[in-house]
N, C-alpha and C. Protein backbone atom coordinates (compact mmCIF):
# COMPACT_ATOMS: atom_id res chain seq x y z
N MET A 1 -34.42 60.76 -6.63
CA MET A 1 -35.10 59.64 -6.37
C MET A 1 -36.20 59.29 -7.53
N ALA A 2 -37.31 59.88 -7.43
CA ALA A 2 -38.57 59.63 -8.44
C ALA A 2 -38.43 60.41 -9.66
N ASP A 3 -38.72 59.79 -10.87
CA ASP A 3 -38.80 60.34 -12.08
C ASP A 3 -40.03 61.15 -12.03
N GLU A 4 -39.84 62.51 -12.18
CA GLU A 4 -41.14 63.39 -12.04
C GLU A 4 -42.06 63.43 -13.27
N THR A 5 -41.63 62.53 -14.23
CA THR A 5 -42.48 62.54 -15.44
C THR A 5 -43.27 61.23 -15.34
N ALA A 6 -42.82 60.33 -14.41
CA ALA A 6 -43.56 59.00 -14.25
C ALA A 6 -45.23 59.16 -13.92
N PRO A 7 -45.91 58.12 -14.41
CA PRO A 7 -47.39 58.30 -14.17
C PRO A 7 -47.81 57.86 -12.91
N TRP A 8 -47.45 58.73 -11.82
CA TRP A 8 -47.73 58.38 -10.51
C TRP A 8 -49.16 58.06 -10.14
N GLU A 9 -49.53 57.02 -9.56
CA GLU A 9 -50.89 56.79 -8.98
C GLU A 9 -50.65 56.83 -7.32
N THR A 10 -51.49 57.62 -6.54
CA THR A 10 -51.28 57.67 -5.06
C THR A 10 -52.61 56.98 -4.44
N VAL A 11 -52.31 56.30 -3.50
CA VAL A 11 -53.23 55.44 -2.57
C VAL A 11 -53.12 55.99 -0.92
N ASP A 12 -54.01 56.46 -0.35
CA ASP A 12 -53.73 56.86 1.03
C ASP A 12 -54.12 55.45 1.89
N TYR A 13 -53.22 55.24 2.68
CA TYR A 13 -53.34 53.80 3.50
C TYR A 13 -52.77 54.02 4.73
N GLU A 14 -53.63 53.92 5.91
CA GLU A 14 -53.20 53.90 7.32
C GLU A 14 -52.30 55.05 7.63
N GLY A 15 -52.63 56.35 7.27
CA GLY A 15 -51.83 57.60 7.53
C GLY A 15 -50.78 57.81 6.81
N PHE A 16 -50.50 56.88 5.67
CA PHE A 16 -49.42 57.05 4.73
C PHE A 16 -49.85 57.23 3.31
N GLU A 17 -48.92 57.72 2.35
CA GLU A 17 -49.25 57.69 0.94
C GLU A 17 -48.40 56.75 0.31
N ILE A 18 -48.99 55.89 -0.56
CA ILE A 18 -48.38 54.82 -1.27
C ILE A 18 -48.41 55.35 -2.82
N HIS A 19 -47.27 55.80 -3.40
CA HIS A 19 -47.13 56.28 -4.73
C HIS A 19 -46.51 55.06 -5.48
N VAL A 20 -47.27 54.70 -6.62
CA VAL A 20 -46.82 53.75 -7.58
C VAL A 20 -46.89 54.17 -8.91
N ALA A 21 -45.96 54.04 -9.82
CA ALA A 21 -45.69 54.29 -11.17
C ALA A 21 -45.80 52.95 -11.95
N PRO A 22 -46.68 52.36 -12.59
CA PRO A 22 -46.61 51.21 -13.62
C PRO A 22 -45.94 51.76 -14.74
N LEU A 23 -44.91 50.98 -15.15
CA LEU A 23 -44.30 51.47 -16.39
C LEU A 23 -44.11 50.15 -17.25
N GLN A 24 -43.99 50.54 -18.68
CA GLN A 24 -43.82 49.42 -19.62
C GLN A 24 -42.42 49.03 -19.60
N LYS A 25 -42.22 47.62 -19.70
CA LYS A 25 -40.93 47.02 -19.53
C LYS A 25 -40.78 46.58 -20.96
N ASN A 26 -39.53 46.96 -21.73
CA ASN A 26 -39.22 46.37 -22.80
C ASN A 26 -38.53 45.12 -22.91
N ALA A 27 -38.44 44.42 -23.98
CA ALA A 27 -37.84 43.24 -24.16
C ALA A 27 -36.26 43.48 -23.99
N ALA A 28 -35.53 42.46 -23.58
CA ALA A 28 -34.20 42.53 -23.43
C ALA A 28 -33.48 43.10 -24.70
N GLY A 29 -32.50 44.11 -24.53
CA GLY A 29 -31.88 44.66 -25.64
C GLY A 29 -32.57 45.78 -26.10
N GLU A 30 -33.79 46.22 -25.91
CA GLU A 30 -34.33 47.37 -26.40
C GLU A 30 -34.07 48.71 -25.70
N THR A 31 -33.87 49.81 -26.37
CA THR A 31 -33.49 50.93 -25.86
C THR A 31 -34.83 51.67 -25.20
N ASN A 32 -34.48 52.78 -24.59
CA ASN A 32 -35.50 53.50 -24.03
C ASN A 32 -36.36 52.85 -23.24
N GLU A 33 -35.87 52.13 -22.21
CA GLU A 33 -36.60 50.91 -21.49
C GLU A 33 -38.04 51.37 -21.04
N PHE A 34 -38.29 52.56 -20.37
CA PHE A 34 -39.48 52.81 -19.88
C PHE A 34 -40.26 53.80 -20.55
N ASN A 35 -39.90 54.23 -21.65
CA ASN A 35 -40.79 55.15 -22.50
C ASN A 35 -41.10 54.68 -23.90
N ALA A 36 -41.01 53.30 -24.14
CA ALA A 36 -41.35 52.77 -25.44
C ALA A 36 -42.88 52.76 -25.69
N PRO A 37 -43.39 53.03 -26.82
CA PRO A 37 -44.75 53.01 -27.20
C PRO A 37 -45.21 51.47 -27.12
N PRO A 38 -46.47 51.31 -26.56
CA PRO A 38 -47.06 49.90 -26.51
C PRO A 38 -47.10 49.23 -27.83
N ASN A 39 -46.85 47.93 -27.76
CA ASN A 39 -46.74 47.19 -29.00
C ASN A 39 -48.42 46.88 -29.46
N THR A 40 -48.89 47.76 -30.33
CA THR A 40 -50.22 47.61 -30.78
C THR A 40 -50.55 46.55 -31.73
N ALA A 41 -49.55 46.12 -32.39
CA ALA A 41 -49.64 44.97 -33.29
C ALA A 41 -49.81 43.62 -32.48
N ASN A 42 -49.18 43.56 -31.21
CA ASN A 42 -49.44 42.37 -30.50
C ASN A 42 -49.19 42.67 -29.02
N PRO A 43 -50.42 43.03 -28.45
CA PRO A 43 -50.45 43.57 -27.11
C PRO A 43 -50.02 42.57 -26.09
N ALA A 44 -50.05 41.29 -26.48
CA ALA A 44 -49.76 40.28 -25.47
C ALA A 44 -48.22 40.31 -25.27
N LYS A 45 -47.41 40.91 -25.96
CA LYS A 45 -46.02 41.17 -25.93
C LYS A 45 -45.64 42.29 -24.93
N ASN A 46 -46.67 43.16 -24.74
CA ASN A 46 -46.33 44.28 -23.83
C ASN A 46 -46.17 43.75 -22.40
N ARG A 47 -45.23 44.09 -21.74
CA ARG A 47 -45.08 43.74 -20.34
C ARG A 47 -44.76 44.85 -19.44
N TYR A 48 -45.14 45.07 -18.23
CA TYR A 48 -45.20 46.18 -17.29
C TYR A 48 -44.40 45.83 -16.09
N THR A 49 -43.96 46.75 -15.28
CA THR A 49 -43.22 46.67 -14.17
C THR A 49 -43.75 47.90 -13.33
N TYR A 50 -43.13 48.15 -11.94
CA TYR A 50 -43.49 49.36 -11.34
C TYR A 50 -42.39 49.87 -10.42
N VAL A 51 -42.43 51.09 -9.98
CA VAL A 51 -41.41 51.68 -9.12
C VAL A 51 -42.54 52.34 -8.11
N GLY A 52 -41.93 52.59 -6.88
CA GLY A 52 -42.86 53.20 -6.01
C GLY A 52 -42.09 53.62 -4.69
N TYR A 53 -42.91 54.41 -3.87
CA TYR A 53 -42.35 54.73 -2.53
C TYR A 53 -43.58 55.03 -1.74
N VAL A 54 -43.23 54.94 -0.29
CA VAL A 54 -44.29 55.19 0.72
C VAL A 54 -43.79 56.48 1.54
N CYS A 55 -44.66 57.44 1.91
CA CYS A 55 -44.22 58.54 2.70
C CYS A 55 -45.47 58.99 3.50
N HIS A 56 -45.12 60.12 4.33
CA HIS A 56 -46.16 60.65 5.06
C HIS A 56 -46.97 61.52 4.06
N PRO A 57 -48.25 61.97 4.20
CA PRO A 57 -48.91 62.89 3.27
C PRO A 57 -48.03 64.26 3.23
N GLY A 58 -47.91 64.68 2.01
CA GLY A 58 -47.19 65.95 1.86
C GLY A 58 -45.81 65.84 1.94
N ALA A 59 -45.09 64.82 2.20
CA ALA A 59 -43.69 64.69 2.36
C ALA A 59 -43.16 64.84 1.00
N ASP A 60 -41.83 65.39 1.09
CA ASP A 60 -40.99 65.51 -0.31
C ASP A 60 -40.10 64.31 -0.37
N PRO A 61 -40.45 63.32 -1.42
CA PRO A 61 -39.61 62.14 -1.50
C PRO A 61 -38.11 62.29 -1.92
N SER A 62 -37.88 63.49 -2.44
CA SER A 62 -36.63 63.95 -2.91
C SER A 62 -35.65 64.18 -1.67
N ILE A 63 -36.02 64.37 -0.46
CA ILE A 63 -35.36 64.62 0.64
C ILE A 63 -34.92 63.33 1.32
N PRO A 64 -33.57 62.96 1.59
CA PRO A 64 -33.40 61.60 2.35
C PRO A 64 -33.96 61.47 3.59
N GLY A 65 -34.41 60.30 3.62
CA GLY A 65 -35.20 59.91 4.89
C GLY A 65 -36.72 60.24 5.00
N HIS A 66 -37.17 60.80 3.89
CA HIS A 66 -38.64 61.33 3.82
C HIS A 66 -39.54 60.20 3.16
N ALA A 67 -38.86 59.14 2.64
CA ALA A 67 -39.70 58.24 1.86
C ALA A 67 -38.96 56.87 1.94
N VAL A 68 -39.82 55.80 1.70
CA VAL A 68 -39.18 54.45 1.62
C VAL A 68 -39.50 53.98 0.26
N SER A 69 -38.36 53.87 -0.76
CA SER A 69 -38.47 53.40 -2.01
C SER A 69 -38.69 51.95 -2.32
N PHE A 70 -39.33 51.43 -3.13
CA PHE A 70 -39.33 49.98 -3.54
C PHE A 70 -39.61 49.89 -5.21
N HIS A 71 -39.31 48.85 -5.71
CA HIS A 71 -39.49 48.42 -6.97
C HIS A 71 -39.64 46.96 -7.19
N ALA A 72 -40.09 46.52 -8.39
CA ALA A 72 -40.41 45.20 -8.83
C ALA A 72 -38.92 44.52 -8.75
N ASP A 73 -38.92 43.29 -8.37
CA ASP A 73 -37.78 42.53 -8.52
C ASP A 73 -37.25 42.42 -9.93
N GLY A 74 -35.92 42.43 -10.24
CA GLY A 74 -35.22 42.22 -11.39
C GLY A 74 -36.11 41.93 -12.72
N GLU A 75 -36.17 40.68 -12.82
CA GLU A 75 -37.06 40.22 -13.96
C GLU A 75 -38.40 40.09 -13.89
N GLU A 76 -38.96 40.65 -12.82
CA GLU A 76 -40.44 40.52 -12.39
C GLU A 76 -41.23 41.39 -13.45
N SER A 77 -42.21 40.87 -14.33
CA SER A 77 -43.12 41.76 -14.95
C SER A 77 -44.47 41.26 -15.03
N PHE A 78 -45.36 42.14 -15.52
CA PHE A 78 -46.82 41.72 -15.44
C PHE A 78 -47.41 42.00 -16.95
N ALA A 79 -48.44 41.25 -17.17
CA ALA A 79 -49.26 41.29 -18.35
C ALA A 79 -49.88 42.60 -18.65
N SER A 80 -50.25 43.38 -17.50
CA SER A 80 -50.98 44.60 -17.91
C SER A 80 -50.54 45.76 -17.08
N ARG A 81 -50.93 47.02 -17.32
CA ARG A 81 -50.55 48.07 -16.52
C ARG A 81 -51.27 48.08 -15.26
N ASP A 82 -52.41 47.59 -15.22
CA ASP A 82 -53.23 47.49 -13.97
C ASP A 82 -52.66 46.43 -13.08
N ASP A 83 -52.15 45.33 -13.52
CA ASP A 83 -51.54 44.17 -12.77
C ASP A 83 -50.26 44.64 -12.13
N ALA A 84 -49.42 45.51 -12.77
CA ALA A 84 -48.28 46.07 -12.21
C ALA A 84 -48.73 47.02 -11.03
N LEU A 85 -49.89 47.96 -11.31
CA LEU A 85 -50.21 48.95 -10.32
C LEU A 85 -50.65 48.05 -9.06
N TYR A 86 -51.50 47.04 -9.24
CA TYR A 86 -52.07 46.30 -8.20
C TYR A 86 -50.86 45.80 -7.29
N GLU A 87 -50.02 45.02 -7.91
CA GLU A 87 -48.84 44.57 -7.15
C GLU A 87 -48.03 45.61 -6.41
N GLY A 88 -47.81 46.82 -7.05
CA GLY A 88 -47.05 47.86 -6.43
C GLY A 88 -47.63 48.39 -5.31
N VAL A 89 -49.03 48.54 -5.47
CA VAL A 89 -49.77 48.87 -4.16
C VAL A 89 -49.76 47.88 -3.12
N HIS A 90 -49.78 46.70 -3.53
CA HIS A 90 -49.72 45.43 -2.52
C HIS A 90 -48.38 45.53 -1.69
N VAL A 91 -47.48 45.95 -2.44
CA VAL A 91 -46.04 45.82 -1.76
C VAL A 91 -46.01 47.13 -0.94
N GLY A 92 -46.52 48.13 -1.29
CA GLY A 92 -46.56 49.40 -0.51
C GLY A 92 -47.31 49.19 0.85
N ARG A 93 -48.40 48.55 0.70
CA ARG A 93 -49.35 48.12 1.90
C ARG A 93 -48.60 47.30 2.94
N SER A 94 -47.61 46.29 2.41
CA SER A 94 -47.03 45.51 3.17
C SER A 94 -45.98 46.12 3.84
N ILE A 95 -45.36 47.16 3.21
CA ILE A 95 -44.33 48.01 3.88
C ILE A 95 -44.98 48.85 5.21
N VAL A 96 -46.04 49.43 4.72
CA VAL A 96 -46.77 50.05 5.91
C VAL A 96 -47.18 49.14 7.04
N GLU A 97 -47.84 47.99 6.78
CA GLU A 97 -48.10 47.12 7.71
C GLU A 97 -47.03 46.45 8.64
N GLY A 98 -45.78 46.57 7.97
CA GLY A 98 -44.63 45.93 8.71
C GLY A 98 -44.58 44.53 8.29
N THR A 99 -45.14 43.92 7.22
CA THR A 99 -45.11 42.58 6.88
C THR A 99 -44.11 42.25 5.64
N HIS A 100 -43.61 43.53 5.11
CA HIS A 100 -42.56 43.32 4.10
C HIS A 100 -41.14 42.79 4.64
N PRO A 101 -40.55 41.72 4.00
CA PRO A 101 -39.58 41.09 4.61
C PRO A 101 -38.21 42.04 4.76
N ASP A 102 -38.10 42.95 3.90
CA ASP A 102 -36.77 43.95 3.95
C ASP A 102 -37.06 45.44 4.20
N LEU A 103 -38.25 45.95 3.94
CA LEU A 103 -38.57 47.29 4.07
C LEU A 103 -39.49 47.65 5.21
N THR A 104 -39.50 48.84 5.75
CA THR A 104 -40.52 49.20 6.90
C THR A 104 -40.55 50.73 6.82
N VAL A 105 -41.71 51.22 7.44
CA VAL A 105 -41.76 52.81 7.61
C VAL A 105 -41.22 53.18 9.06
N LEU A 106 -40.76 52.37 9.67
CA LEU A 106 -40.33 52.73 11.14
C LEU A 106 -39.37 53.79 11.04
N PRO A 107 -38.30 53.99 10.01
CA PRO A 107 -37.54 55.36 10.16
C PRO A 107 -38.41 56.57 9.94
N LEU A 108 -39.34 56.47 9.02
CA LEU A 108 -40.28 57.57 8.79
C LEU A 108 -41.00 58.00 10.26
N VAL A 109 -41.36 56.96 11.00
CA VAL A 109 -42.17 57.29 12.20
C VAL A 109 -41.30 57.74 13.31
N THR A 110 -40.18 57.09 13.36
CA THR A 110 -39.28 57.50 14.48
C THR A 110 -38.45 58.79 14.19
N GLY A 111 -38.30 59.09 13.08
CA GLY A 111 -37.52 60.12 12.71
C GLY A 111 -38.23 61.50 12.71
N GLY A 112 -39.58 61.30 13.03
CA GLY A 112 -40.33 62.45 13.07
C GLY A 112 -40.61 63.11 11.71
N VAL A 113 -40.49 62.42 10.71
CA VAL A 113 -40.67 62.95 9.35
C VAL A 113 -42.22 62.71 8.90
């Protein structure tokens, strides 16, 4: 599920943990999509995205049913790492609150995980 080398940030929220990894997103056609070095010559060209998951504290996200995964929509990108992190945490909170249109923590609650 989650890349163990990703730079995970964790936020505790309403009895759940929201884990978000902001990642650099390369331009179309570039290789090594998530590990390219930042463009120091032109920082404005750097774009970021995120992946994340919501789970109970201490849960193992690699076990099916122990986490709800999410990610930025296809072409969505952000101007900075902080912007991507902020949006990822916002999406995670919406999942916990039950306001996300597609994802919910209900299986984590009713499954006893």
